C-alpha cells in the first residue's frame, strides 16, 4: 500500500445516502453565487513515525474539477507527529462547475500513513463572492484555453491521444 489518501468532495450531496430517501437539501455549489477562495483542513494528531527529525512531511494536491490532470494547488508541509494542526490552503479563486466534484490527494512520507490516520479530519471550503473571485477565475481559464489551443496547434491536431480535445472541450 502506498501512503496516499484520496479525498473526494461531492458536488452534490443529495444522492450520497444509499438505501435512504433523497435529501431535501443540497450543500453543493450548484447555483452558488461565489467562487472557491481556499480550503481549510483540520488534521487530527497523526499517529505516525516522524521521518525528518520530529516532523512528518505531507504533500497535498487539489485537483482542478474540470481537468483532474491539472493541480489547482500542490503544496508540501511538515507536521509534528502526534500533534493536531489546521492547514489553510489558499487556492486560486475558482468558480466550481456544477456536477464536478472536488478531488484532492494527501501523501505522507512514511509507510504508516493511510486513510485511518485521517479519522476525525475536517475539510472546510471557503467561498468568496462571485464578483471578487471572477478576475482570478477568468485569468486562469483563459490561460488554460490558450495553453490547450497551443497543444492542438503545435502538436498533431489530428490525433486524439492524451485527451487533448476533451480537455479543450471541457473548458
N, C-alpha and C. Protein backbone atom coordinates (compact mmCIF):
# COMPACT_ATOMS: atom_id res chain seq x y z
N UNK A 1 0.83 -1.19 0.00
CA UNK A 1 0.00 0.00 0.00
C UNK A 1 0.88 1.25 0.00
N UNK A 2 0.49 2.20 -0.81
CA UNK A 2 1.19 3.47 -0.84
C UNK A 2 0.63 4.40 0.23
N UNK A 3 1.45 5.28 0.76
CA UNK A 3 0.97 6.21 1.79
C UNK A 3 0.25 7.41 1.17
N UNK A 4 -0.80 7.13 0.39
CA UNK A 4 -1.56 8.17 -0.30
C UNK A 4 -3.05 8.00 0.03
N UNK A 5 -3.70 9.11 0.35
CA UNK A 5 -5.13 9.09 0.64
C UNK A 5 -5.82 9.99 -0.38
N UNK A 6 -6.87 9.47 -0.99
CA UNK A 6 -7.66 10.23 -1.95
C UNK A 6 -8.93 10.72 -1.26
N UNK A 7 -9.24 11.99 -1.44
CA UNK A 7 -10.41 12.59 -0.81
C UNK A 7 -11.29 13.18 -1.91
N UNK A 8 -12.54 12.80 -1.92
CA UNK A 8 -13.50 13.32 -2.89
C UNK A 8 -14.57 14.11 -2.16
N UNK A 9 -14.77 15.35 -2.56
CA UNK A 9 -15.84 16.18 -2.01
C UNK A 9 -16.90 16.27 -3.10
N UNK A 10 -18.03 15.57 -2.91
CA UNK A 10 -19.04 15.52 -3.97
C UNK A 10 -19.62 16.90 -4.29
N UNK A 11 -19.92 17.10 -5.55
CA UNK A 11 -20.53 18.36 -5.98
C UNK A 11 -21.98 18.45 -5.51
N UNK A 12 -22.59 17.32 -5.21
CA UNK A 12 -23.99 17.28 -4.81
C UNK A 12 -24.17 16.19 -3.76
N UNK A 13 -24.70 16.54 -2.62
CA UNK A 13 -24.84 15.59 -1.51
C UNK A 13 -26.22 14.94 -1.45
N UNK A 14 -27.10 15.24 -2.38
CA UNK A 14 -28.47 14.73 -2.28
C UNK A 14 -28.56 13.23 -2.49
N UNK A 15 -27.68 12.64 -3.29
CA UNK A 15 -27.80 11.22 -3.61
C UNK A 15 -26.71 10.38 -2.95
N UNK A 16 -26.13 10.84 -1.87
CA UNK A 16 -25.00 10.13 -1.28
C UNK A 16 -25.38 9.17 -0.17
N UNK A 17 -26.68 8.99 0.10
CA UNK A 17 -27.09 8.10 1.18
C UNK A 17 -27.75 6.86 0.60
N UNK A 18 -26.98 5.81 0.38
CA UNK A 18 -27.56 4.60 -0.23
C UNK A 18 -28.67 4.00 0.62
N UNK A 19 -29.75 3.63 -0.04
CA UNK A 19 -30.84 2.97 0.65
C UNK A 19 -31.74 3.90 1.44
N UNK A 20 -31.49 5.19 1.37
CA UNK A 20 -32.31 6.15 2.10
C UNK A 20 -32.94 7.11 1.10
N UNK A 21 -33.91 7.84 1.58
CA UNK A 21 -34.62 8.78 0.71
C UNK A 21 -33.67 9.89 0.23
N UNK A 22 -33.99 10.42 -0.93
CA UNK A 22 -33.21 11.53 -1.48
C UNK A 22 -33.34 12.73 -0.54
N UNK A 23 -32.23 13.40 -0.27
CA UNK A 23 -32.24 14.53 0.66
C UNK A 23 -33.01 15.72 0.11
N UNK A 24 -33.48 16.55 1.01
CA UNK A 24 -34.23 17.73 0.63
C UNK A 24 -33.34 18.94 0.44
N UNK A 25 -32.12 18.86 0.93
CA UNK A 25 -31.21 20.00 0.84
C UNK A 25 -29.98 19.59 0.06
N UNK A 26 -29.41 20.53 -0.66
CA UNK A 26 -28.17 20.30 -1.36
C UNK A 26 -27.13 21.25 -0.79
N UNK A 27 -26.04 20.70 -0.34
CA UNK A 27 -24.97 21.51 0.20
C UNK A 27 -23.82 21.64 -0.78
N UNK A 28 -24.07 21.41 -2.04
CA UNK A 28 -23.05 21.55 -3.07
C UNK A 28 -22.95 22.98 -3.57
N UNK A 29 -22.28 23.16 -4.68
CA UNK A 29 -22.07 24.51 -5.22
C UNK A 29 -22.92 24.82 -6.43
N UNK A 30 -23.90 23.98 -6.74
CA UNK A 30 -24.85 24.33 -7.80
C UNK A 30 -25.56 25.62 -7.41
N UNK A 31 -25.64 26.54 -8.33
CA UNK A 31 -26.33 27.81 -8.14
C UNK A 31 -25.73 28.68 -7.03
N UNK A 32 -24.49 28.40 -6.65
CA UNK A 32 -23.81 29.21 -5.64
C UNK A 32 -23.18 30.41 -6.33
N UNK A 33 -23.53 31.60 -5.89
CA UNK A 33 -23.02 32.84 -6.48
C UNK A 33 -21.71 33.23 -5.80
N UNK A 34 -20.75 32.30 -5.85
CA UNK A 34 -19.47 32.51 -5.17
C UNK A 34 -18.39 31.66 -5.83
N UNK A 35 -17.16 31.98 -5.51
CA UNK A 35 -16.02 31.23 -6.01
C UNK A 35 -15.21 30.67 -4.85
N UNK A 36 -14.57 29.53 -5.08
CA UNK A 36 -13.74 28.91 -4.07
C UNK A 36 -12.54 29.80 -3.79
N UNK A 37 -12.36 30.18 -2.53
CA UNK A 37 -11.24 31.02 -2.12
C UNK A 37 -10.10 30.18 -1.55
N UNK A 38 -10.44 29.11 -0.86
CA UNK A 38 -9.43 28.26 -0.27
C UNK A 38 -10.05 27.11 0.49
N UNK A 39 -9.18 26.27 1.03
CA UNK A 39 -9.61 25.06 1.72
C UNK A 39 -8.89 24.99 3.06
N UNK A 40 -9.65 24.77 4.13
CA UNK A 40 -9.07 24.54 5.46
C UNK A 40 -9.16 23.05 5.77
N UNK A 41 -8.05 22.47 6.17
CA UNK A 41 -8.03 21.06 6.55
C UNK A 41 -7.62 20.97 8.01
N UNK A 42 -8.51 20.44 8.83
CA UNK A 42 -8.22 20.20 10.23
C UNK A 42 -7.71 18.77 10.35
N UNK A 43 -6.40 18.63 10.54
CA UNK A 43 -5.80 17.31 10.66
C UNK A 43 -5.80 16.87 12.12
N UNK A 44 -6.18 15.62 12.37
CA UNK A 44 -6.07 15.10 13.73
C UNK A 44 -4.59 14.84 14.04
N UNK A 45 -4.30 14.51 15.28
CA UNK A 45 -2.93 14.15 15.65
C UNK A 45 -2.58 12.85 14.93
N UNK A 46 -1.65 12.93 13.99
CA UNK A 46 -1.28 11.75 13.19
C UNK A 46 -0.40 10.82 14.03
N UNK A 47 -0.82 9.58 14.13
CA UNK A 47 -0.05 8.58 14.89
C UNK A 47 0.90 7.88 13.92
N UNK A 48 1.92 8.61 13.51
CA UNK A 48 2.90 8.10 12.55
C UNK A 48 4.30 8.30 13.14
N UNK A 49 5.26 7.58 12.58
CA UNK A 49 6.65 7.77 12.99
C UNK A 49 7.21 8.96 12.22
N UNK A 50 7.81 9.90 12.94
CA UNK A 50 8.44 11.05 12.28
C UNK A 50 9.55 10.55 11.36
N UNK A 51 9.65 11.13 10.19
CA UNK A 51 10.66 10.70 9.22
C UNK A 51 11.77 11.72 9.04
N UNK A 52 11.56 12.94 9.50
CA UNK A 52 12.55 14.01 9.36
C UNK A 52 12.68 14.72 10.71
N UNK A 53 13.49 14.15 11.59
CA UNK A 53 13.60 14.69 12.94
C UNK A 53 12.31 14.40 13.69
N UNK A 54 11.63 15.46 14.13
CA UNK A 54 10.34 15.30 14.82
C UNK A 54 9.17 15.53 13.84
N UNK A 55 9.48 15.77 12.58
CA UNK A 55 8.46 16.15 11.60
C UNK A 55 8.08 15.00 10.68
N UNK A 56 6.85 15.12 10.17
CA UNK A 56 6.33 14.16 9.20
C UNK A 56 5.82 14.95 7.99
N UNK A 57 6.50 14.86 6.84
CA UNK A 57 6.09 15.62 5.66
C UNK A 57 4.83 15.05 5.00
N UNK A 58 4.00 15.97 4.50
CA UNK A 58 2.80 15.63 3.73
C UNK A 58 2.83 16.42 2.44
N UNK A 59 2.36 15.82 1.37
CA UNK A 59 2.15 16.54 0.12
C UNK A 59 0.65 16.53 -0.15
N UNK A 60 0.10 17.73 -0.42
CA UNK A 60 -1.33 17.86 -0.66
C UNK A 60 -1.54 18.44 -2.05
N UNK A 61 -2.34 17.77 -2.85
CA UNK A 61 -2.66 18.25 -4.19
C UNK A 61 -4.17 18.39 -4.30
N UNK A 62 -4.60 19.57 -4.76
CA UNK A 62 -6.01 19.83 -5.02
C UNK A 62 -6.17 19.84 -6.53
N UNK A 63 -7.01 18.97 -7.05
CA UNK A 63 -7.18 18.82 -8.50
C UNK A 63 -8.21 19.80 -9.05
N UNK A 64 -8.01 20.22 -10.28
CA UNK A 64 -8.96 21.08 -10.98
C UNK A 64 -10.18 20.24 -11.33
N UNK A 65 -11.39 20.66 -10.93
CA UNK A 65 -12.58 19.86 -11.22
C UNK A 65 -12.84 19.63 -12.71
N UNK A 66 -12.45 20.58 -13.55
CA UNK A 66 -12.66 20.43 -15.00
C UNK A 66 -11.58 19.60 -15.66
N UNK A 67 -10.39 19.61 -15.09
CA UNK A 67 -9.25 18.93 -15.71
C UNK A 67 -8.45 18.28 -14.58
N UNK A 68 -8.82 17.09 -14.12
CA UNK A 68 -8.17 16.47 -12.96
C UNK A 68 -6.67 16.23 -13.11
N UNK A 69 -6.14 16.27 -14.33
CA UNK A 69 -4.70 16.12 -14.51
C UNK A 69 -3.96 17.40 -14.13
N UNK A 70 -4.68 18.49 -13.91
CA UNK A 70 -4.08 19.78 -13.54
C UNK A 70 -4.34 20.03 -12.06
N UNK A 71 -3.34 20.49 -11.36
CA UNK A 71 -3.48 20.81 -9.95
C UNK A 71 -3.84 22.27 -9.77
N UNK A 72 -4.86 22.54 -8.95
CA UNK A 72 -5.12 23.91 -8.52
C UNK A 72 -4.08 24.32 -7.50
N UNK A 73 -3.60 23.34 -6.74
CA UNK A 73 -2.64 23.61 -5.69
C UNK A 73 -1.84 22.34 -5.44
N UNK A 74 -0.54 22.49 -5.27
CA UNK A 74 0.35 21.39 -4.93
C UNK A 74 1.31 21.93 -3.88
N UNK A 75 1.15 21.48 -2.63
CA UNK A 75 1.96 22.04 -1.54
C UNK A 75 2.48 20.91 -0.66
N UNK A 76 3.70 21.10 -0.17
CA UNK A 76 4.28 20.17 0.79
C UNK A 76 4.42 20.88 2.13
N UNK A 77 3.99 20.22 3.18
CA UNK A 77 4.07 20.77 4.53
C UNK A 77 4.63 19.68 5.44
N UNK A 78 5.09 20.09 6.60
CA UNK A 78 5.54 19.14 7.61
C UNK A 78 4.78 19.41 8.90
N UNK A 79 4.33 18.35 9.53
CA UNK A 79 3.62 18.47 10.81
C UNK A 79 4.35 17.61 11.83
N UNK A 80 4.20 17.96 13.10
CA UNK A 80 4.77 17.13 14.16
C UNK A 80 3.88 15.92 14.35
N UNK A 81 4.50 14.76 14.40
CA UNK A 81 3.74 13.53 14.64
C UNK A 81 3.06 13.63 16.01
N UNK A 82 1.79 13.25 16.07
CA UNK A 82 1.04 13.27 17.32
C UNK A 82 0.50 14.64 17.70
N UNK A 83 0.56 15.60 16.80
CA UNK A 83 0.07 16.95 17.09
C UNK A 83 -0.95 17.37 16.03
N UNK A 84 -2.16 17.74 16.47
CA UNK A 84 -3.20 18.17 15.53
C UNK A 84 -2.84 19.53 14.94
N UNK A 85 -3.25 19.75 13.70
CA UNK A 85 -2.96 21.00 13.00
C UNK A 85 -4.11 21.37 12.09
N UNK A 86 -4.26 22.67 11.85
CA UNK A 86 -5.18 23.17 10.83
C UNK A 86 -4.34 23.79 9.73
N UNK A 87 -4.58 23.34 8.51
CA UNK A 87 -3.86 23.87 7.35
C UNK A 87 -4.81 24.72 6.52
N UNK A 88 -4.36 25.91 6.15
CA UNK A 88 -5.13 26.78 5.26
C UNK A 88 -4.47 26.74 3.90
N UNK A 89 -5.20 26.27 2.90
CA UNK A 89 -4.70 26.18 1.53
C UNK A 89 -5.39 27.27 0.71
N UNK A 90 -4.64 28.28 0.36
CA UNK A 90 -5.18 29.41 -0.40
C UNK A 90 -5.06 29.10 -1.89
N UNK A 91 -6.13 28.61 -2.47
CA UNK A 91 -6.13 28.28 -3.89
C UNK A 91 -6.37 29.53 -4.73
N UNK A 92 -6.08 29.44 -6.01
CA UNK A 92 -6.51 30.49 -6.92
C UNK A 92 -8.04 30.46 -6.91
N UNK A 93 -8.66 31.62 -7.01
CA UNK A 93 -10.12 31.68 -6.97
C UNK A 93 -10.71 30.95 -8.17
N UNK A 94 -11.67 30.08 -7.90
CA UNK A 94 -12.29 29.25 -8.93
C UNK A 94 -13.79 29.20 -8.75
N UNK A 95 -14.52 29.30 -9.85
CA UNK A 95 -15.94 29.00 -9.83
C UNK A 95 -16.04 27.49 -10.02
N UNK A 96 -16.51 26.79 -9.03
CA UNK A 96 -16.63 25.35 -9.14
C UNK A 96 -17.82 25.02 -10.03
N UNK A 97 -17.58 24.24 -11.09
CA UNK A 97 -18.66 23.95 -12.03
C UNK A 97 -19.67 22.96 -11.46
N UNK A 98 -20.95 23.18 -11.75
CA UNK A 98 -21.99 22.24 -11.28
C UNK A 98 -21.71 20.83 -11.81
N UNK A 99 -21.92 19.86 -10.95
CA UNK A 99 -21.76 18.47 -11.37
C UNK A 99 -20.32 17.97 -11.37
N UNK A 100 -19.36 18.81 -11.02
CA UNK A 100 -17.95 18.39 -10.98
C UNK A 100 -17.47 18.43 -9.54
N UNK A 101 -17.12 17.27 -9.01
CA UNK A 101 -16.68 17.18 -7.63
C UNK A 101 -15.26 17.70 -7.46
N UNK A 102 -14.91 18.01 -6.23
CA UNK A 102 -13.57 18.47 -5.90
C UNK A 102 -12.79 17.26 -5.37
N UNK A 103 -11.56 17.10 -5.84
CA UNK A 103 -10.77 15.92 -5.54
C UNK A 103 -9.40 16.36 -5.06
N UNK A 104 -8.93 15.76 -3.98
CA UNK A 104 -7.57 16.07 -3.53
C UNK A 104 -6.90 14.81 -3.03
N UNK A 105 -5.57 14.85 -3.03
CA UNK A 105 -4.79 13.73 -2.52
C UNK A 105 -3.87 14.24 -1.42
N UNK A 106 -3.67 13.39 -0.43
CA UNK A 106 -2.74 13.69 0.65
C UNK A 106 -1.78 12.50 0.72
N UNK A 107 -0.50 12.79 0.54
CA UNK A 107 0.53 11.75 0.57
C UNK A 107 1.44 11.99 1.76
N UNK A 108 1.79 10.93 2.45
CA UNK A 108 2.68 11.02 3.60
C UNK A 108 4.05 10.46 3.28
N UNK A 109 5.05 10.86 4.06
CA UNK A 109 6.43 10.44 3.81
C UNK A 109 6.74 9.05 4.34
N UNK A 110 5.88 8.50 5.17
CA UNK A 110 6.15 7.19 5.74
C UNK A 110 5.08 6.17 5.41
N UNK A 111 5.44 4.91 5.46
CA UNK A 111 4.52 3.83 5.11
C UNK A 111 3.38 3.66 6.11
N UNK A 112 3.51 4.25 7.30
CA UNK A 112 2.43 4.10 8.29
C UNK A 112 1.31 5.12 8.10
N UNK A 113 1.42 6.00 7.10
CA UNK A 113 0.35 6.96 6.80
C UNK A 113 -0.68 6.28 5.90
N UNK A 114 -1.96 6.39 6.29
CA UNK A 114 -3.05 5.83 5.48
C UNK A 114 -4.34 6.56 5.84
N UNK A 115 -5.44 6.15 5.25
CA UNK A 115 -6.73 6.81 5.46
C UNK A 115 -7.17 6.76 6.92
N UNK A 116 -6.82 5.71 7.64
CA UNK A 116 -7.19 5.60 9.05
C UNK A 116 -6.58 6.73 9.87
N UNK A 117 -5.40 7.19 9.48
CA UNK A 117 -4.74 8.29 10.19
C UNK A 117 -5.56 9.58 10.11
N UNK A 118 -6.41 9.70 9.11
CA UNK A 118 -7.19 10.91 8.92
C UNK A 118 -8.58 10.84 9.55
N UNK A 119 -8.86 9.77 10.30
CA UNK A 119 -10.16 9.70 11.00
C UNK A 119 -10.30 10.92 11.90
N UNK A 120 -11.40 11.62 11.77
CA UNK A 120 -11.63 12.83 12.55
C UNK A 120 -11.20 14.10 11.86
N UNK A 121 -10.59 13.98 10.69
CA UNK A 121 -10.19 15.18 9.94
C UNK A 121 -11.44 15.89 9.42
N UNK A 122 -11.34 17.20 9.27
CA UNK A 122 -12.43 18.01 8.71
C UNK A 122 -11.88 18.82 7.55
N UNK A 123 -12.68 18.95 6.52
CA UNK A 123 -12.32 19.80 5.39
C UNK A 123 -13.40 20.84 5.23
N UNK A 124 -13.00 22.11 5.20
CA UNK A 124 -13.94 23.22 5.05
C UNK A 124 -13.57 24.00 3.80
N UNK A 125 -14.54 24.20 2.93
CA UNK A 125 -14.34 25.01 1.74
C UNK A 125 -14.75 26.44 2.06
N UNK A 126 -13.90 27.37 1.73
CA UNK A 126 -14.23 28.79 1.96
C UNK A 126 -14.48 29.43 0.61
N UNK A 127 -15.62 30.09 0.52
CA UNK A 127 -16.01 30.76 -0.71
C UNK A 127 -16.00 32.27 -0.51
N UNK A 128 -15.82 32.98 -1.61
CA UNK A 128 -15.91 34.44 -1.58
C UNK A 128 -16.93 34.85 -2.63
N UNK A 129 -17.48 36.06 -2.54
CA UNK A 129 -18.48 36.49 -3.52
C UNK A 129 -17.95 36.37 -4.96
N UNK A 130 -18.85 36.00 -5.84
CA UNK A 130 -18.50 35.77 -7.24
C UNK A 130 -17.76 36.95 -7.87
N UNK A 131 -18.23 38.14 -7.61
CA UNK A 131 -17.62 39.32 -8.21
C UNK A 131 -16.15 39.47 -7.79
N UNK A 132 -15.81 39.04 -6.58
CA UNK A 132 -14.42 39.11 -6.11
C UNK A 132 -13.57 37.97 -6.65
N UNK A 133 -14.18 36.82 -6.89
CA UNK A 133 -13.45 35.64 -7.36
C UNK A 133 -13.28 35.62 -8.88
N UNK A 134 -14.12 36.35 -9.58
CA UNK A 134 -14.13 36.28 -11.04
C UNK A 134 -12.82 36.66 -11.72
N UNK A 135 -12.10 37.72 -11.32
CA UNK A 135 -10.86 38.07 -12.04
C UNK A 135 -9.83 36.94 -12.09
N UNK A 136 -9.54 36.27 -10.97
CA UNK A 136 -8.58 35.17 -10.99
C UNK A 136 -9.12 33.99 -11.78
N UNK A 137 -10.41 33.71 -11.63
CA UNK A 137 -11.00 32.59 -12.34
C UNK A 137 -10.91 32.79 -13.85
N UNK A 138 -11.29 33.96 -14.33
CA UNK A 138 -11.25 34.24 -15.77
C UNK A 138 -9.82 34.19 -16.28
N UNK A 139 -8.88 34.78 -15.56
CA UNK A 139 -7.48 34.76 -15.99
C UNK A 139 -6.95 33.33 -16.08
N UNK A 140 -7.28 32.49 -15.10
CA UNK A 140 -6.81 31.10 -15.12
C UNK A 140 -7.44 30.31 -16.26
N UNK A 141 -8.74 30.46 -16.46
CA UNK A 141 -9.39 29.70 -17.53
C UNK A 141 -8.91 30.19 -18.92
N UNK A 142 -8.67 31.48 -19.06
CA UNK A 142 -8.13 31.99 -20.32
C UNK A 142 -6.76 31.38 -20.59
N UNK A 143 -5.90 31.36 -19.59
CA UNK A 143 -4.57 30.76 -19.75
C UNK A 143 -4.68 29.27 -20.08
N UNK A 144 -5.64 28.60 -19.47
CA UNK A 144 -5.83 27.17 -19.74
C UNK A 144 -6.29 26.94 -21.17
N UNK A 145 -7.23 27.75 -21.64
CA UNK A 145 -7.69 27.62 -23.03
C UNK A 145 -6.53 27.91 -23.99
N UNK A 146 -5.77 28.97 -23.71
CA UNK A 146 -4.63 29.33 -24.56
C UNK A 146 -3.62 28.19 -24.61
N UNK A 147 -3.30 27.61 -23.45
CA UNK A 147 -2.32 26.52 -23.41
C UNK A 147 -2.82 25.28 -24.14
N UNK A 148 -4.10 24.96 -23.96
CA UNK A 148 -4.65 23.79 -24.65
C UNK A 148 -4.70 24.01 -26.15
N UNK A 149 -5.01 25.24 -26.57
CA UNK A 149 -5.01 25.53 -28.01
C UNK A 149 -3.60 25.42 -28.57
N UNK A 150 -2.61 25.84 -27.80
CA UNK A 150 -1.22 25.72 -28.25
C UNK A 150 -0.84 24.25 -28.42
N UNK A 151 -1.31 23.38 -27.51
CA UNK A 151 -1.04 21.95 -27.66
C UNK A 151 -1.63 21.43 -28.97
N UNK A 152 -2.85 21.87 -29.29
CA UNK A 152 -3.51 21.39 -30.51
C UNK A 152 -2.81 21.90 -31.76
N UNK A 153 -2.37 23.14 -31.72
CA UNK A 153 -1.76 23.75 -32.91
C UNK A 153 -0.33 23.26 -33.10
N UNK A 154 0.45 23.20 -32.03
CA UNK A 154 1.86 22.86 -32.13
C UNK A 154 2.10 21.37 -32.28
N UNK A 155 1.18 20.58 -31.81
CA UNK A 155 1.35 19.14 -31.93
C UNK A 155 0.41 18.62 -33.02
N UNK A 156 0.32 17.35 -33.13
CA UNK A 156 -0.52 16.76 -34.17
C UNK A 156 -1.98 16.90 -33.81
N UNK A 157 -2.67 17.81 -34.47
CA UNK A 157 -4.06 18.09 -34.12
C UNK A 157 -5.04 17.03 -34.60
N UNK A 158 -4.57 16.10 -35.41
CA UNK A 158 -5.49 15.08 -35.90
C UNK A 158 -5.45 13.81 -35.06
N UNK A 159 -4.79 13.85 -33.91
CA UNK A 159 -4.75 12.69 -33.04
C UNK A 159 -5.60 12.94 -31.80
N UNK A 160 -6.15 11.88 -31.26
CA UNK A 160 -6.95 12.01 -30.04
C UNK A 160 -6.19 11.50 -28.83
N UNK A 161 -4.87 11.32 -28.97
CA UNK A 161 -4.05 10.89 -27.84
C UNK A 161 -4.01 11.97 -26.77
N UNK A 162 -3.83 11.57 -25.54
CA UNK A 162 -3.70 12.45 -24.38
C UNK A 162 -4.95 13.28 -24.12
N UNK A 163 -6.06 12.93 -24.71
CA UNK A 163 -7.36 13.57 -24.46
C UNK A 163 -7.32 15.08 -24.66
N UNK A 164 -6.59 15.53 -25.66
CA UNK A 164 -6.48 16.98 -25.90
C UNK A 164 -7.84 17.61 -26.21
N UNK A 165 -8.61 16.95 -27.06
CA UNK A 165 -9.91 17.51 -27.44
C UNK A 165 -10.84 17.58 -26.24
N UNK A 166 -10.83 16.56 -25.39
CA UNK A 166 -11.69 16.55 -24.23
C UNK A 166 -11.31 17.66 -23.25
N UNK A 167 -10.00 17.90 -23.08
CA UNK A 167 -9.55 18.97 -22.19
C UNK A 167 -10.04 20.33 -22.70
N UNK A 168 -9.88 20.56 -24.00
CA UNK A 168 -10.29 21.84 -24.57
C UNK A 168 -11.80 21.99 -24.49
N UNK A 169 -12.52 20.92 -24.79
CA UNK A 169 -13.97 20.98 -24.80
C UNK A 169 -14.54 21.17 -23.40
N UNK A 170 -13.87 20.66 -22.38
CA UNK A 170 -14.37 20.76 -21.00
C UNK A 170 -14.28 22.17 -20.45
N UNK A 171 -13.43 22.99 -21.01
CA UNK A 171 -13.26 24.36 -20.51
C UNK A 171 -14.44 25.16 -20.92
